[in-house]
Amino acid sequence: MEILEVNNPAEEKEFLEMAVRLYRNEKNWIRPIDKDIEGIFHPETNKLFRQGGKAKRWLLKNEKGETIGRIAAFLHPKWKEKQPTGGMGFFECNQDKSAAFLLFDIAKNWLIKEGMEAMDGPVNFGERDKWWGLLVDGFSEPNYNMPWNFKYYQDFFEAYGFQLYFKQYTYMRPVKGVGFDPKMIERANRIMADPDYNFRYMKGKELSEKAPEYFMEVYNKAWARHMGKSLTLKETKMMFAKMKPILDPRLIYFGFYKGEPVSFFINIPEINQIFKYVNGKMDLIGKLKFLWHKTFNPPNKMLGLVFGVIPDLQGKGVESAMILQYNKDLASTAGFSYETIEMNWIGDFNPKMMRVCEQLLATIYKTHHTYRYLFDRTKPFERHKMFD
């Protein structure tokens, strides 16, 4: 077997196409959009390179010159841990443990040369909401920008010596026809009886002009300390602008207290239900297919991207009130075709959000694992710290 570093356009194309061949008989695999993957590995489209990050990727060839595996490794400039840790991801391999181990070795050895003491995987050279974790349960079609992999990958990771760093749960519930936990309803009613609270959609100019500002205010209070990064207004405006082609205003909801934003949830249509028809290509034909299916064969599933409540109001029923009020507003919404909602993954280190999902009477639909491999095998292993 031979390892080749990806260094030219032909090898970049092969990095994408080998996965297409590998999964050609898997009905639930959906080909990612080529540009979404390729954009991760170029400074022009991934600012982490400009902030000091590094990424390498390799192909594994057999004796016949056929590609039987691939892998990438990353130095993420924003990972600030007492134990220097790199990442590996975009791993694909045929059912050959020796080939898989060779790929793991090449990622590990590069990270060791770069001064790392551990590697997490499979992860993304970017944010955690994309290409993060190994699917171990619930092998249905993947949500947009989430990985799908063969079941045998789990054995590869664990046999090599990767240890479970955290579990990632994707919760699902029907949009209609399912109630809520009685305790949740009780808490929600107390909040909704207070006239200082208001929960509503964003409409018209408020969606484009004020929603990014509201989102930034709540996110930076609710999530920034956990994610290690605050968002700027410029970043949130860019995020909303990028989502504009797929946004459905009926899926975005905010909570206010005395006129100030205190909570939100952002949902989008699950667009992999459309992208599965474009074969990874958003060229002219791909865009036409996308528009046709968006119009005449729209998604029946929505994806919960992010949910937040400012710390001072967490656990007091605000999230319950927001969800129940949304459910009431939904009942009067005409032409609402979504049947189910899946929440973007929640780590087992976040019991508060897990309880919220359980009170929604949502069930775990998929499970991914994020693993960690310590290069010094004598060091004690620690799982991801719990959110307080």
Protein backbone atom coordinates (compact mmCIF):
# COMPACT_ATOMS: atom_id res chain seq x y z
CA MET A 1 0.00 0.00 0.00
CA GLU A 2 1.11 3.56 -0.73
CA ILE A 3 0.24 6.85 0.98
CA LEU A 4 0.04 9.99 -1.19
CA GLU A 5 -0.36 13.53 0.13
CA VAL A 6 -3.05 15.47 -1.74
CA ASN A 7 -1.18 18.19 -3.64
CA ASN A 8 -2.88 18.85 -6.98
CA PRO A 9 -6.35 19.21 -8.54
CA ALA A 10 -6.46 15.60 -9.74
CA GLU A 11 -5.76 14.32 -6.22
CA GLU A 12 -8.29 16.77 -4.77
CA LYS A 13 -10.91 15.35 -7.13
CA GLU A 14 -9.94 11.81 -6.18
CA PHE A 15 -10.33 12.71 -2.49
CA LEU A 16 -14.00 13.39 -3.27
CA GLU A 17 -14.68 10.70 -5.84
CA MET A 18 -13.27 7.76 -3.85
CA ALA A 19 -16.08 8.23 -1.30
CA VAL A 20 -18.66 8.17 -4.11
CA ARG A 21 -17.34 4.81 -5.29
CA LEU A 22 -17.08 3.47 -1.74
CA TYR A 23 -20.74 4.22 -0.95
CA ARG A 24 -22.24 3.53 -4.36
CA ASN A 25 -24.44 0.71 -3.00
CA GLU A 26 -25.52 2.47 0.20
CA LYS A 27 -29.04 3.85 -0.24
CA ASN A 28 -28.91 6.10 2.84
CA TRP A 29 -25.60 7.79 2.00
CA ILE A 30 -26.07 11.24 0.48
CA ARG A 31 -23.19 12.71 -1.47
CA PRO A 32 -22.04 15.95 0.16
CA ILE A 33 -21.80 19.05 -1.97
CA ASP A 34 -18.29 18.98 -3.43
CA LYS A 35 -17.63 22.65 -2.71
CA ASP A 36 -18.63 22.20 0.94
CA ILE A 37 -15.84 19.64 1.40
CA GLU A 38 -13.21 21.17 -0.85
CA GLY A 39 -13.70 24.63 0.64
CA ILE A 40 -12.49 23.37 4.01
CA PHE A 41 -8.99 22.79 2.65
CA HIS A 42 -8.21 26.17 1.07
CA PRO A 43 -7.25 29.50 2.71
CA GLU A 44 -9.50 31.40 0.30
CA THR A 45 -12.58 29.71 1.76
CA ASN A 46 -11.48 28.73 5.29
CA LYS A 47 -10.26 31.58 7.44
CA LEU A 48 -8.70 29.20 9.97
CA PHE A 49 -5.67 28.94 7.69
CA ARG A 50 -5.21 32.70 7.91
CA GLN A 51 -5.39 32.49 11.69
CA GLY A 52 -2.51 30.02 11.92
CA GLY A 53 -4.31 26.72 11.33
CA LYS A 54 -2.96 23.90 9.21
CA ALA A 55 -4.50 20.97 7.36
CA LYS A 56 -3.12 18.02 5.42
CA ARG A 57 -4.87 15.20 3.61
CA TRP A 58 -3.77 11.91 2.16
CA LEU A 59 -4.94 9.13 -0.15
CA LEU A 60 -4.17 5.45 0.35
CA LYS A 61 -3.56 3.32 -2.75
CA ASN A 62 -3.41 -0.46 -3.01
CA GLU A 63 -0.95 -2.47 -5.13
CA LYS A 64 -3.16 -1.97 -8.20
CA GLY A 65 -3.08 1.80 -7.80
CA GLU A 66 -6.71 1.94 -6.66
CA THR A 67 -7.68 4.38 -3.92
CA ILE A 68 -8.90 2.43 -0.91
CA GLY A 69 -8.82 5.14 1.76
CA ARG A 70 -8.41 8.79 2.65
CA ILE A 71 -7.85 10.92 5.74
CA ALA A 72 -7.17 14.52 6.80
CA ALA A 73 -5.47 16.00 9.86
CA PHE A 74 -5.78 19.48 11.33
CA LEU A 75 -4.19 21.98 13.64
CA HIS A 76 -7.09 24.13 14.80
CA PRO A 77 -5.83 27.57 15.91
CA LYS A 78 -8.69 28.05 18.38
CA TRP A 79 -8.27 24.83 20.31
CA LYS A 80 -6.69 26.03 23.52
CA GLU A 81 -6.24 23.05 25.81
CA LYS A 82 -3.66 22.22 28.47
CA GLN A 83 -2.98 19.11 26.39
CA PRO A 84 -2.17 20.22 22.81
CA THR A 85 -4.69 18.40 20.65
CA GLY A 86 -5.07 18.15 16.89
CA GLY A 87 -7.85 16.71 14.82
CA MET A 88 -8.40 14.09 12.16
CA GLY A 89 -11.38 13.68 9.92
CA PHE A 90 -12.86 12.93 6.51
CA PHE A 91 -11.71 9.36 7.06
CA GLU A 92 -12.97 6.80 4.57
CA CYS A 93 -11.66 3.28 4.05
CA ASN A 94 -12.64 -0.08 2.66
CA GLN A 95 -13.16 -2.93 5.10
CA ASP A 96 -9.45 -3.50 5.78
CA LYS A 97 -8.23 -2.83 9.32
CA SER A 98 -4.58 -2.67 8.30
CA ALA A 99 -5.41 0.04 5.75
CA ALA A 100 -7.39 1.98 8.35
CA PHE A 101 -4.55 1.77 10.86
CA LEU A 102 -2.09 3.01 8.24
CA LEU A 103 -4.28 6.05 7.67
CA PHE A 104 -4.59 6.71 11.41
CA ASP A 105 -0.80 6.42 11.70
CA ILE A 106 -0.14 9.04 9.02
CA ALA A 107 -2.45 11.54 10.73
CA LYS A 108 -0.96 10.78 14.16
CA ASN A 109 2.65 11.07 12.98
CA TRP A 110 2.04 14.42 11.30
CA LEU A 111 0.35 15.78 14.43
CA ILE A 112 3.23 14.55 16.61
CA LYS A 113 5.69 16.43 14.38
CA GLU A 114 3.54 19.53 14.86
CA GLY A 115 3.86 19.24 18.66
CA MET A 116 0.49 17.72 19.45
CA GLU A 117 -0.08 15.24 22.27
CA ALA A 118 -3.48 13.89 21.19
CA MET A 119 -5.91 13.82 18.28
CA ASP A 120 -9.70 14.03 18.23
CA GLY A 121 -11.70 12.41 15.52
CA PRO A 122 -13.47 12.24 13.31
CA VAL A 123 -13.84 16.02 13.38
CA ASN A 124 -13.90 19.00 11.05
CA PHE A 125 -11.39 21.78 10.37
CA GLY A 126 -14.08 24.27 11.36
CA GLU A 127 -17.06 24.52 13.66
CA ARG A 128 -18.62 21.61 15.53
CA ASP A 129 -21.93 21.86 13.70
CA LYS A 130 -20.40 20.34 10.54
CA TRP A 131 -18.75 16.98 9.80
CA TRP A 132 -18.32 16.07 13.44
CA GLY A 133 -18.42 12.60 14.95
CA LEU A 134 -18.65 8.97 13.88
CA LEU A 135 -22.14 7.61 13.29
CA VAL A 136 -22.66 4.55 15.53
CA ASP A 137 -26.45 4.28 15.73
CA GLY A 138 -29.37 5.43 13.56
CA PHE A 139 -28.07 4.83 10.05
CA SER A 140 -30.83 6.73 8.27
CA GLU A 141 -30.12 9.50 5.77
CA PRO A 142 -27.71 12.11 7.16
CA ASN A 143 -28.70 15.68 7.81
CA TYR A 144 -26.95 18.40 5.83
CA ASN A 145 -23.24 18.66 6.67
CA MET A 146 -23.37 15.68 9.01
CA PRO A 147 -21.36 12.51 8.37
CA TRP A 148 -22.63 9.10 7.38
CA ASN A 149 -20.27 6.14 7.55
CA PHE A 150 -20.11 2.37 7.53
CA LYS A 151 -20.81 0.55 10.80
CA TYR A 152 -17.41 -1.14 10.70
CA TYR A 153 -15.63 2.20 11.20
CA GLN A 154 -16.44 2.06 14.92
CA ASP A 155 -14.38 -1.12 15.27
CA PHE A 156 -11.49 0.52 13.41
CA PHE A 157 -11.41 3.50 15.77
CA GLU A 158 -11.76 1.53 18.98
CA ALA A 159 -9.36 -1.25 17.97
CA TYR A 160 -6.73 1.36 17.13
CA GLY A 161 -7.01 2.82 20.62
CA PHE A 162 -9.30 5.82 20.26
CA GLN A 163 -11.35 6.37 23.42
CA LEU A 164 -14.81 7.88 23.69
CA TYR A 165 -14.46 11.62 24.36
CA PHE A 166 -18.18 12.39 24.16
CA LYS A 167 -21.40 11.13 22.65
CA GLN A 168 -23.50 13.25 20.29
CA TYR A 169 -27.25 12.75 20.33
CA THR A 170 -29.63 13.80 17.57
CA TYR A 171 -33.16 14.05 18.99
CA MET A 172 -36.30 13.82 16.88
CA ARG A 173 -40.02 14.39 17.43
CA PRO A 174 -43.09 14.80 15.22
CA VAL A 175 -44.09 18.41 14.65
CA LYS A 176 -47.74 17.73 15.47
CA GLY A 177 -49.68 15.12 17.39
CA VAL A 178 -47.29 14.84 20.33
CA GLY A 179 -47.73 16.72 23.60
CA PHE A 180 -45.22 17.99 26.15
CA ASP A 181 -44.10 17.02 29.61
CA PRO A 182 -46.66 18.31 32.19
CA LYS A 183 -43.91 19.99 34.26
CA MET A 184 -42.76 21.81 31.15
CA ILE A 185 -46.29 23.07 30.52
CA GLU A 186 -46.56 24.27 34.13
CA ARG A 187 -43.31 26.26 33.90
CA ALA A 188 -44.28 27.68 30.53
CA ASN A 189 -47.65 28.91 31.78
CA ARG A 190 -46.00 30.85 34.61
CA ILE A 191 -43.76 32.68 32.15
CA MET A 192 -46.50 33.26 29.60
CA ALA A 193 -48.69 34.82 32.30
CA ASP A 194 -46.07 37.55 32.76
CA PRO A 195 -46.84 40.39 30.30
CA ASP A 196 -43.16 41.40 30.21
CA TYR A 197 -42.43 38.31 28.09
CA ASN A 198 -43.12 38.17 24.38
CA PHE A 199 -42.40 35.36 21.91
CA ARG A 200 -42.73 35.79 18.16
CA TYR A 201 -41.54 35.23 14.60
CA MET A 202 -39.31 37.66 12.73
CA LYS A 203 -41.11 39.23 9.78
CA GLY A 204 -40.14 41.46 6.88
CA LYS A 205 -37.18 43.76 7.43
CA GLU A 206 -36.88 42.65 11.05
CA LEU A 207 -35.74 39.21 9.87
CA SER A 208 -32.92 40.60 7.71
CA GLU A 209 -32.00 43.68 9.71
CA LYS A 210 -32.63 42.92 13.40
CA ALA A 211 -32.60 39.11 13.74
CA PRO A 212 -28.79 38.88 13.34
CA GLU A 213 -28.39 41.45 16.13
CA TYR A 214 -30.86 39.67 18.42
CA PHE A 215 -29.14 36.35 17.70
CA MET A 216 -25.69 37.76 18.47
CA GLU A 217 -26.83 39.22 21.81
CA VAL A 218 -28.34 35.98 23.09
CA TYR A 219 -25.69 33.67 21.62
CA ASN A 220 -22.81 35.57 23.15
CA LYS A 221 -24.41 35.37 26.57
CA ALA A 222 -25.64 31.78 26.31
CA TRP A 223 -22.99 29.95 24.28
CA ALA A 224 -19.77 31.93 23.86
CA ARG A 225 -18.18 30.79 27.14
CA HIS A 226 -18.80 27.14 26.23
CA MET A 227 -17.70 27.40 22.61
CA GLY A 228 -14.70 29.62 23.37
CA LYS A 229 -15.74 32.24 20.84
CA SER A 230 -18.00 35.29 20.70
CA LEU A 231 -19.75 36.28 17.50
CA THR A 232 -19.55 39.73 15.94
CA LEU A 233 -22.49 41.42 14.27
CA LYS A 234 -20.66 41.13 10.94
CA GLU A 235 -20.38 37.35 11.41
CA THR A 236 -24.04 36.91 12.30
CA LYS A 237 -25.15 39.03 9.35
CA MET A 238 -23.00 36.91 7.04
CA MET A 239 -24.48 33.76 8.57
CA PHE A 240 -28.06 34.91 7.95
CA ALA A 241 -27.14 36.07 4.43
CA LYS A 242 -25.67 32.65 3.58
CA MET A 243 -28.79 30.92 4.89
CA LYS A 244 -31.16 33.25 2.99
CA PRO A 245 -31.74 30.87 0.02
CA ILE A 246 -33.06 28.18 2.35
CA LEU A 247 -34.51 30.19 5.25
CA ASP A 248 -38.14 29.71 6.13
CA PRO A 249 -39.27 32.59 8.38
CA ARG A 250 -41.77 30.25 10.02
CA LEU A 251 -38.86 28.30 11.53
CA ILE A 252 -37.14 31.20 13.31
CA TYR A 253 -38.44 32.33 16.69
CA PHE A 254 -37.28 34.74 19.40
CA GLY A 255 -38.19 35.48 22.99
CA PHE A 256 -38.08 38.95 24.56
CA TYR A 257 -38.24 40.27 28.12
CA LYS A 258 -39.17 43.93 28.46
CA GLY A 259 -38.31 44.34 24.80
CA GLU A 260 -34.81 42.83 25.07
CA PRO A 261 -33.96 39.53 23.30
CA VAL A 262 -33.48 36.68 25.79
CA SER A 263 -33.97 33.48 23.78
CA PHE A 264 -34.15 32.07 20.28
CA PHE A 265 -34.23 28.98 18.17
CA ILE A 266 -33.13 28.78 14.56
CA ASN A 267 -34.52 25.97 12.43
CA ILE A 268 -34.05 25.39 8.71
CA PRO A 269 -35.59 22.98 6.20
CA GLU A 270 -33.49 19.80 6.11
CA ILE A 271 -31.96 20.50 2.71
CA ASN A 272 -30.19 17.18 2.32
CA GLN A 273 -33.65 16.00 1.30
CA ILE A 274 -33.05 18.21 -1.76
CA PHE A 275 -29.28 17.90 -2.17
CA LYS A 276 -29.53 14.14 -2.57
CA TYR A 277 -30.82 14.81 -6.10
CA VAL A 278 -27.88 16.97 -7.28
CA ASN A 279 -25.04 14.42 -6.94
CA GLY A 280 -22.72 16.83 -5.15
CA LYS A 281 -22.74 19.39 -7.97
CA MET A 282 -24.18 22.88 -7.64
CA ASP A 283 -23.49 23.78 -11.25
CA LEU A 284 -26.29 25.08 -13.47
CA ILE A 285 -28.01 21.70 -13.69
CA GLY A 286 -27.60 21.15 -9.96
CA LYS A 287 -29.10 24.55 -9.17
CA LEU A 288 -32.06 23.88 -11.45
CA LYS A 289 -32.65 20.53 -9.75
CA PHE A 290 -32.39 22.22 -6.37
CA LEU A 291 -34.96 24.89 -7.28
CA TRP A 292 -37.36 22.33 -8.79
CA HIS A 293 -37.33 20.08 -5.73
CA LYS A 294 -37.46 23.05 -3.34
CA THR A 295 -40.63 24.21 -5.10
CA PHE A 296 -42.39 20.97 -5.99
CA ASN A 297 -40.85 18.40 -3.64
CA PRO A 298 -39.96 20.41 -0.52
CA PRO A 299 -38.44 18.87 2.63
CA ASN A 300 -40.87 17.39 5.16
CA LYS A 301 -38.30 17.59 7.94
CA MET A 302 -36.87 20.62 9.67
CA LEU A 303 -33.51 20.76 11.37
CA GLY A 304 -32.96 22.59 14.65
CA LEU A 305 -29.64 24.38 14.23
CA VAL A 306 -29.20 26.26 17.47
CA PHE A 307 -31.18 27.09 20.60
CA GLY A 308 -30.28 29.56 23.32
CA VAL A 309 -31.50 31.26 26.50
CA ILE A 310 -29.46 33.89 28.35
CA PRO A 311 -27.87 32.47 31.55
CA ASP A 312 -29.93 34.60 33.97
CA LEU A 313 -33.14 33.01 32.70
CA GLN A 314 -32.00 29.43 32.12
CA GLY A 315 -33.99 26.84 34.04
CA LYS A 316 -36.81 29.26 34.80
CA GLY A 317 -39.20 28.15 32.09
CA VAL A 318 -38.34 30.61 29.33
CA GLU A 319 -37.31 27.86 26.92
CA SER A 320 -40.55 26.00 27.75
CA ALA A 321 -42.69 29.08 27.17
CA MET A 322 -40.96 29.85 23.88
CA ILE A 323 -41.53 26.33 22.59
CA LEU A 324 -45.16 26.12 23.71
CA GLN A 325 -46.01 29.54 22.32
CA TYR A 326 -44.38 28.55 19.04
CA ASN A 327 -46.46 25.39 19.01
CA LYS A 328 -49.63 27.49 19.46
CA ASP A 329 -48.61 29.85 16.66
CA LEU A 330 -47.84 26.85 14.49
CA ALA A 331 -51.39 25.54 14.85
CA SER A 332 -52.70 28.62 13.05
CA THR A 333 -50.06 28.54 10.28
CA ALA A 334 -51.48 27.53 6.90
CA GLY A 335 -49.63 25.21 4.55
CA PHE A 336 -47.12 24.00 7.11
CA SER A 337 -45.79 20.79 5.53
CA TYR A 338 -43.03 19.80 7.96
CA GLU A 339 -43.75 16.50 9.69
CA THR A 340 -40.74 16.02 11.96
CA ILE A 341 -37.96 18.03 13.55
CA GLU A 342 -34.47 16.82 14.32
CA MET A 343 -32.35 18.86 16.73
CA ASN A 344 -28.74 19.46 15.73
CA TRP A 345 -26.59 17.16 17.85
CA ILE A 346 -26.34 17.66 21.60
CA GLY A 347 -23.30 16.39 23.47
CA ASP A 348 -23.71 14.16 26.51
CA PHE A 349 -21.70 16.84 28.32
CA ASN A 350 -24.75 19.14 28.10
CA PRO A 351 -27.40 17.56 30.38
CA LYS A 352 -29.50 20.75 30.49
CA MET A 353 -30.18 20.62 26.76
CA MET A 354 -30.75 16.87 26.92
CA ARG A 355 -33.45 17.48 29.57
CA VAL A 356 -35.08 20.10 27.35
CA CYS A 357 -35.32 17.55 24.54
CA GLU A 358 -36.71 14.93 26.88
CA GLN A 359 -39.36 17.37 28.12
CA LEU A 360 -40.29 17.93 24.47
CA LEU A 361 -40.93 14.17 24.41
CA ALA A 362 -38.27 13.93 21.70
CA THR A 363 -36.36 10.67 21.36
CA ILE A 364 -32.76 9.95 20.43
CA TYR A 365 -32.77 9.20 16.70
CA LYS A 366 -29.06 9.06 15.94
CA THR A 367 -25.86 8.78 17.95
CA HIS A 368 -22.38 9.88 16.91
CA HIS A 369 -19.13 9.44 18.84
CA THR A 370 -16.26 11.88 19.06
CA TYR A 371 -13.10 10.02 20.02
CA ARG A 372 -9.75 11.09 21.44
CA TYR A 373 -6.43 9.30 21.03
CA LEU A 374 -3.61 10.10 23.48
CA PHE A 375 -0.16 9.74 21.93
CA ASP A 376 1.38 8.94 25.31
CA ARG A 377 -0.52 5.77 26.16
CA THR A 378 0.50 5.97 29.84
CA LYS A 379 -1.32 9.27 30.44
CA PRO A 380 -4.73 9.21 32.14
CA PHE A 381 -7.67 9.76 29.81
CA GLU A 382 -10.32 12.36 30.63
CA ARG A 383 -13.68 12.73 28.95
CA HIS A 384 -15.10 16.09 27.82
CA LYS A 385 -15.89 18.32 30.78
CA MET A 386 -19.55 18.73 31.65
CA PHE A 387 -21.34 22.01 31.01
CA ASP A 388 -22.50 23.61 34.24
